[in-house]
Amino acid sequence: MNMTTDIYSDKAIDLVIFTVASERTIREKVWEDNVSPEYVGRTSTDGLSLFVVTIPADETIYPLAKGERVLPGGYLGKQESLEDASRRILKDRLGLSLKTKIRQLGIFDDPKRDPNDRVLSFAYWGMVNFEDIRKYLGGKEQIGLELVNSQYYMDLWEQNSGSLEKFDGVSRFGNRRMPNAAKKIGHDKTLTKNMKTGRILGLDHDDMVFYAWRQLRHAFDGRLDPFRYLSINPLGDEFRLSDLQDFTEACRGERVQRDLFRRQMMSIDKSFIMSSGKTDSSRPGKPANLYSLSAPPPVDDDQL
């Protein structure tokens, strides 16, 4: 990034950009070098995985992260709002002219971030449709995807760490344990620095991904319309209810019993989905009913 006198070099902006894609899509449309080596998926499945977009660290901007991957970021311009700067950086770093909603995550103030200056980072997060980011993967910026969660990752978690029911969501970037009054266990979180697998990204970017993921999970709470909250529809015009459940589980890092999920979706007042009147026979098993959104998601709806 070109540094000019119009840039505040002590005020950074880092962007947590999520996307979801089916494991089949990843295998068929993404070069292996553009997906994290720790990506765990299954063959012959349409299950969705949640990813975060990363780039190699620019040592002129992040001298302490040389050789590591980081979140796309840059610095605040003197004539820019934080959100305007976020969208400019997305364009500069990823080529994306983002029209979906982005939200401020918070201020990160690790004093060790830059050995030459005291830098404050204003973190923003959002989600993009996979096809919008796919064409920019690789290239001279070496844009890539780092796995946050998948159905298979949750399977491995249960094999190695016990039931998911003990946790209020799990991901590769951290987890949060459900409280247990009898055992005097609080609602404790575990970040990557305390996980056996260790840190994934450079600087404090693992923490940014974790806290952005925790906010992302709110899109699937209660009766909230996740498509409106995120202002995207990654499932297409028509989708199976199982696709929506995959989307929900991958983003929340939790499992929902199938019949319970169906009842929840069908009993919501003014439900955000409706039957399309069609069925899908493209997968093994009996044909599945297809659904569509009751209304398209808004574009950057500031009222949310």
Protein backbone atom coordinates (compact mmCIF):
# COMPACT_ATOMS: atom_id res chain seq x y z
CA MET A 1 0.00 0.00 0.00
CA ASN A 2 1.36 3.46 -0.86
CA MET A 3 1.86 5.64 2.20
CA THR A 4 1.10 9.36 1.82
CA THR A 5 0.71 12.37 4.08
CA ASP A 6 -3.05 11.83 3.82
CA ILE A 7 -2.82 8.62 5.84
CA TYR A 8 -2.90 8.20 9.61
CA SER A 9 -0.22 5.53 10.04
CA ASP A 10 -1.11 4.96 13.70
CA LYS A 11 -4.76 4.10 12.97
CA ALA A 12 -5.10 0.74 11.25
CA ILE A 13 -8.20 -0.95 9.90
CA ASP A 14 -8.40 -4.74 9.75
CA LEU A 15 -11.18 -6.61 8.02
CA VAL A 16 -12.69 -9.95 8.99
CA ILE A 17 -14.45 -11.10 5.82
CA PHE A 18 -16.33 -14.39 6.10
CA THR A 19 -17.66 -16.57 3.31
CA VAL A 20 -19.24 -20.00 3.10
CA ALA A 21 -18.84 -22.63 0.41
CA SER A 22 -19.72 -26.27 0.01
CA GLU A 23 -16.87 -28.73 0.20
CA ARG A 24 -17.75 -29.83 -3.32
CA THR A 25 -17.37 -26.24 -4.55
CA ILE A 26 -14.00 -25.88 -2.83
CA ARG A 27 -12.69 -29.02 -4.52
CA GLU A 28 -14.01 -28.06 -7.95
CA LYS A 29 -13.44 -24.28 -8.07
CA VAL A 30 -10.52 -23.40 -5.80
CA TRP A 31 -6.83 -24.12 -6.28
CA GLU A 32 -5.47 -26.06 -3.33
CA ASP A 33 -2.85 -23.36 -2.67
CA ASN A 34 -5.62 -20.85 -1.98
CA VAL A 35 -7.14 -22.82 0.92
CA SER A 36 -5.54 -23.27 4.32
CA PRO A 37 -3.51 -26.50 4.58
CA GLU A 38 -5.53 -27.41 7.66
CA TYR A 39 -8.76 -27.34 5.68
CA VAL A 40 -10.69 -30.48 6.58
CA GLY A 41 -13.54 -31.60 4.40
CA ARG A 42 -15.11 -34.74 3.09
CA THR A 43 -15.34 -36.05 -0.42
CA SER A 44 -18.72 -36.34 -2.14
CA THR A 45 -20.56 -33.97 0.18
CA ASP A 46 -22.41 -30.69 -0.16
CA GLY A 47 -21.87 -29.63 3.45
CA LEU A 48 -20.98 -25.96 3.93
CA SER A 49 -17.75 -24.70 5.46
CA LEU A 50 -17.13 -21.26 6.95
CA PHE A 51 -13.95 -19.44 5.90
CA VAL A 52 -12.24 -16.12 6.57
CA VAL A 53 -10.32 -14.26 3.86
CA THR A 54 -6.56 -13.80 4.43
CA ILE A 55 -3.51 -12.39 2.65
CA PRO A 56 0.25 -12.70 3.26
CA ALA A 57 1.56 -10.11 5.70
CA ASP A 58 3.17 -7.07 4.08
CA GLU A 59 6.29 -6.64 6.18
CA THR A 60 6.35 -2.90 5.46
CA ILE A 61 2.97 -2.63 7.21
CA TYR A 62 3.32 -5.55 9.65
CA PRO A 63 7.04 -5.98 10.40
CA LEU A 64 6.35 -8.44 13.22
CA ALA A 65 4.25 -10.74 11.01
CA LYS A 66 6.81 -11.46 8.31
CA GLY A 67 6.10 -14.82 6.67
CA GLU A 68 2.64 -15.12 8.24
CA ARG A 69 -0.85 -14.70 6.88
CA VAL A 70 -3.06 -11.93 8.20
CA LEU A 71 -6.40 -10.26 7.64
CA PRO A 72 -6.61 -7.69 4.84
CA GLY A 73 -5.94 -4.25 6.30
CA GLY A 74 -4.55 -0.78 5.83
CA TYR A 75 -4.64 2.68 7.37
CA LEU A 76 -7.23 5.39 7.85
CA GLY A 77 -7.19 8.36 5.49
CA LYS A 78 -7.49 11.82 7.03
CA GLN A 79 -10.62 12.61 5.00
CA GLU A 80 -12.29 9.19 5.47
CA SER A 81 -14.80 7.76 7.87
CA LEU A 82 -13.85 4.39 9.32
CA GLU A 83 -16.45 2.62 7.19
CA ASP A 84 -15.38 4.42 4.03
CA ALA A 85 -11.78 3.44 4.74
CA SER A 86 -12.87 -0.17 5.28
CA ARG A 87 -14.54 -0.28 1.88
CA ARG A 88 -11.56 1.38 0.18
CA ILE A 89 -9.18 -1.14 1.75
CA LEU A 90 -11.39 -4.00 0.61
CA LYS A 91 -11.17 -2.62 -2.90
CA ASP A 92 -7.40 -2.05 -2.70
CA ARG A 93 -6.55 -5.35 -1.07
CA LEU A 94 -9.16 -7.76 -2.40
CA GLY A 95 -10.62 -6.07 -5.47
CA LEU A 96 -14.04 -6.17 -3.82
CA SER A 97 -16.54 -3.34 -4.19
CA LEU A 98 -18.48 -4.47 -1.17
CA LYS A 99 -22.20 -3.66 -1.11
CA THR A 100 -23.12 -5.84 1.83
CA LYS A 101 -23.35 -4.75 5.45
CA ILE A 102 -20.12 -4.41 7.45
CA ARG A 103 -20.08 -3.88 11.19
CA GLN A 104 -17.51 -2.43 13.53
CA LEU A 105 -16.08 -5.13 15.76
CA GLY A 106 -14.09 -3.00 18.17
CA ILE A 107 -10.71 -1.43 18.82
CA PHE A 108 -7.65 -3.63 19.26
CA ASP A 109 -4.66 -2.03 20.96
CA ASP A 110 -1.89 -4.62 21.24
CA PRO A 111 1.19 -2.46 22.06
CA LYS A 112 3.45 -5.03 20.40
CA ARG A 113 1.75 -4.72 17.03
CA ASP A 114 4.30 -2.30 15.56
CA PRO A 115 7.78 -1.85 17.07
CA ASN A 116 8.06 1.65 15.62
CA ASP A 117 4.71 3.18 16.54
CA ARG A 118 1.70 2.84 18.83
CA VAL A 119 -1.01 1.58 16.51
CA LEU A 120 -4.72 1.27 17.23
CA SER A 121 -6.65 -1.10 14.99
CA PHE A 122 -10.33 -0.56 14.19
CA ALA A 123 -11.68 -3.95 13.16
CA TYR A 124 -14.72 -4.45 10.93
CA TRP A 125 -16.42 -7.64 9.86
CA GLY A 126 -18.89 -8.81 7.22
CA MET A 127 -19.77 -11.72 4.97
CA VAL A 128 -19.57 -12.01 1.19
CA ASN A 129 -20.97 -14.54 -1.22
CA PHE A 130 -18.36 -17.07 -2.26
CA GLU A 131 -18.68 -16.30 -5.99
CA ASP A 132 -17.88 -12.64 -5.28
CA ILE A 133 -14.54 -13.54 -3.71
CA ARG A 134 -13.66 -16.63 -5.75
CA LYS A 135 -12.45 -14.73 -8.82
CA TYR A 136 -9.97 -12.80 -6.66
CA LEU A 137 -8.41 -15.81 -4.92
CA GLY A 138 -4.70 -16.21 -5.57
CA GLY A 139 -3.26 -13.51 -7.83
CA LYS A 140 -0.43 -11.19 -6.92
CA GLU A 141 -2.01 -10.48 -3.53
CA GLN A 142 -2.15 -14.26 -2.84
CA ILE A 143 -5.64 -13.95 -1.41
CA GLY A 144 -6.69 -17.13 0.35
CA LEU A 145 -9.29 -18.75 2.57
CA GLU A 146 -8.65 -19.93 6.12
CA LEU A 147 -11.06 -22.46 7.57
CA VAL A 148 -13.09 -21.27 10.53
CA ASN A 149 -15.50 -24.17 10.84
CA SER A 150 -17.03 -27.11 8.98
CA GLN A 151 -19.19 -30.12 9.67
CA TYR A 152 -16.11 -32.32 9.55
CA TYR A 153 -14.22 -30.07 11.95
CA MET A 154 -17.09 -30.44 14.42
CA ASP A 155 -16.93 -34.21 13.93
CA LEU A 156 -13.23 -34.17 14.77
CA TRP A 157 -13.91 -31.92 17.75
CA GLU A 158 -16.38 -34.41 19.20
CA GLN A 159 -13.94 -37.27 18.66
CA ASN A 160 -11.12 -35.44 20.41
CA SER A 161 -12.76 -33.09 22.90
CA GLY A 162 -16.17 -34.49 23.80
CA SER A 163 -19.74 -33.48 23.11
CA LEU A 164 -20.48 -30.19 21.37
CA GLU A 165 -23.35 -29.75 23.82
CA LYS A 166 -20.80 -28.71 26.44
CA PHE A 167 -19.84 -25.70 24.32
CA ASP A 168 -21.57 -22.53 23.24
CA GLY A 169 -20.01 -22.87 19.80
CA VAL A 170 -16.63 -24.18 18.61
CA SER A 171 -14.34 -23.08 15.80
CA ARG A 172 -10.69 -23.30 14.79
CA PHE A 173 -10.25 -19.77 16.15
CA GLY A 174 -11.58 -20.53 19.61
CA ASN A 175 -14.57 -21.78 21.54
CA ARG A 176 -16.73 -20.98 24.50
CA ARG A 177 -17.72 -23.52 27.14
CA MET A 178 -21.25 -23.66 28.48
CA PRO A 179 -21.46 -22.74 32.18
CA ASN A 180 -21.92 -25.49 34.76
CA ALA A 181 -22.90 -24.27 38.21
CA ALA A 182 -22.44 -27.70 39.83
CA LYS A 183 -18.83 -27.88 38.65
CA LYS A 184 -18.28 -24.14 39.19
CA ILE A 185 -17.42 -23.69 35.53
CA GLY A 186 -18.16 -20.29 34.08
CA HIS A 187 -18.96 -19.26 30.51
CA ASP A 188 -15.24 -19.49 29.69
CA LYS A 189 -13.72 -18.83 26.29
CA THR A 190 -10.56 -20.40 24.87
CA LEU A 191 -8.55 -18.55 22.23
CA THR A 192 -6.01 -20.08 19.86
CA LYS A 193 -3.06 -19.03 22.03
CA ASN A 194 -4.36 -21.50 24.62
CA MET A 195 -5.34 -24.26 22.18
CA LYS A 196 -3.10 -27.21 21.32
CA THR A 197 -3.15 -26.26 17.65
CA GLY A 198 -1.76 -22.80 18.45
CA ARG A 199 -2.14 -19.50 16.63
CA ILE A 200 -3.26 -19.45 13.01
CA LEU A 201 -2.74 -15.87 11.79
CA GLY A 202 -0.14 -13.24 12.59
CA LEU A 203 -0.41 -10.38 15.10
CA ASP A 204 -3.67 -10.30 17.06
CA HIS A 205 -5.75 -11.30 14.06
CA ASP A 206 -6.82 -14.65 15.54
CA ASP A 207 -8.58 -12.72 18.29
CA MET A 208 -10.30 -10.50 15.73
CA VAL A 209 -11.61 -13.53 13.87
CA PHE A 210 -12.83 -15.10 17.09
CA TYR A 211 -14.77 -12.04 18.26
CA ALA A 212 -16.15 -11.41 14.76
CA TRP A 213 -17.31 -15.03 14.66
CA ARG A 214 -19.04 -14.55 18.00
CA GLN A 215 -20.94 -11.61 16.49
CA LEU A 216 -21.67 -13.59 13.32
CA ARG A 217 -23.39 -16.23 15.45
CA HIS A 218 -26.00 -13.65 16.49
CA ALA A 219 -27.35 -13.71 12.94
CA PHE A 220 -28.81 -17.13 13.75
CA ASP A 221 -30.33 -16.35 17.15
CA GLY A 222 -34.03 -16.76 17.71
CA ARG A 223 -36.29 -15.29 15.08
CA LEU A 224 -33.72 -13.05 13.44
CA ASP A 225 -33.50 -13.34 9.65
CA PRO A 226 -29.84 -14.22 9.04
CA PHE A 227 -30.01 -13.23 5.37
CA ARG A 228 -31.22 -9.75 6.24
CA TYR A 229 -28.73 -9.40 9.11
CA LEU A 230 -25.80 -10.36 6.85
CA SER A 231 -27.34 -8.76 3.72
CA ILE A 232 -26.38 -11.75 1.58
CA ASN A 233 -27.90 -15.03 0.43
CA PRO A 234 -25.19 -17.67 -0.05
CA LEU A 235 -27.69 -20.47 -0.68
CA GLY A 236 -29.07 -19.41 -4.06
CA ASP A 237 -32.60 -18.66 -5.18
CA GLU A 238 -33.88 -22.10 -4.11
CA PHE A 239 -32.41 -24.34 -1.45
CA ARG A 240 -33.11 -27.35 0.71
CA LEU A 241 -33.90 -26.91 4.38
CA SER A 242 -30.82 -29.04 5.04
CA ASP A 243 -28.72 -26.40 3.26
CA LEU A 244 -30.05 -23.74 5.63
CA GLN A 245 -29.30 -26.02 8.57
CA ASP A 246 -25.74 -26.55 7.28
CA PHE A 247 -25.33 -22.78 6.95
CA THR A 248 -26.61 -22.27 10.49
CA GLU A 249 -24.47 -24.99 12.06
CA ALA A 250 -21.24 -24.04 10.27
CA CYS A 251 -21.63 -20.42 11.37
CA ARG A 252 -22.72 -21.16 14.92
CA GLY A 253 -20.29 -24.01 15.56
CA GLU A 254 -23.13 -26.03 17.02
CA ARG A 255 -25.40 -28.87 15.96
CA VAL A 256 -29.18 -28.66 15.87
CA GLN A 257 -31.33 -31.77 15.90
CA ARG A 258 -32.90 -32.06 12.43
CA ASP A 259 -36.56 -32.28 13.45
CA LEU A 260 -36.12 -29.46 15.96
CA PHE A 261 -34.56 -27.24 13.30
CA ARG A 262 -37.42 -27.96 10.90
CA ARG A 263 -40.01 -27.10 13.55
CA GLN A 264 -38.18 -23.88 14.39
CA MET A 265 -38.08 -22.80 10.77
CA MET A 266 -41.70 -23.71 10.10
CA SER A 267 -43.10 -22.13 13.29
CA ILE A 268 -41.48 -18.71 13.02
CA ASP A 269 -44.05 -15.92 12.70
CA LYS A 270 -43.63 -14.19 9.35
CA SER A 271 -40.94 -16.69 8.47
CA PHE A 272 -38.09 -15.42 6.31
CA ILE A 273 -38.37 -18.54 4.10
CA MET A 274 -41.25 -19.97 2.12
CA SER A 275 -41.87 -23.08 0.08
CA SER A 276 -41.07 -22.69 -3.60
CA GLY A 277 -43.43 -25.53 -4.48
CA LYS A 278 -40.56 -27.45 -6.09
CA THR A 279 -38.46 -30.46 -5.14
CA ASP A 280 -34.83 -31.40 -5.74
CA SER A 281 -33.80 -34.92 -6.83
CA SER A 282 -30.14 -34.19 -7.58
CA ARG A 283 -28.81 -35.88 -4.43
CA PRO A 284 -29.11 -39.43 -3.12
CA GLY A 285 -32.28 -40.28 -1.25
CA LYS A 286 -35.84 -39.12 -1.71
CA PRO A 287 -36.58 -35.75 -3.34
CA ALA A 288 -36.35 -32.78 -0.97
CA ASN A 289 -38.66 -29.78 -0.85
CA LEU A 290 -37.11 -26.51 -1.95
CA TYR A 291 -37.47 -23.15 -0.25
CA SER A 292 -36.74 -19.54 -1.14
CA LEU A 293 -36.47 -16.28 0.77
CA SER A 294 -39.67 -14.41 1.55
CA ALA A 295 -37.85 -11.20 0.62
CA PRO A 296 -34.39 -10.55 -0.85
CA PRO A 297 -31.70 -9.44 1.61
CA PRO A 298 -31.11 -5.68 1.70
CA VAL A 299 -27.97 -4.04 0.35
CA ASP A 300 -26.08 -2.28 3.17
CA ASP A 301 -29.23 -1.65 5.19
CA ASP A 302 -28.14 0.90 7.80
CA GLN A 303 -31.30 0.30 9.82
CA LEU A 304 -30.03 -3.13 10.94
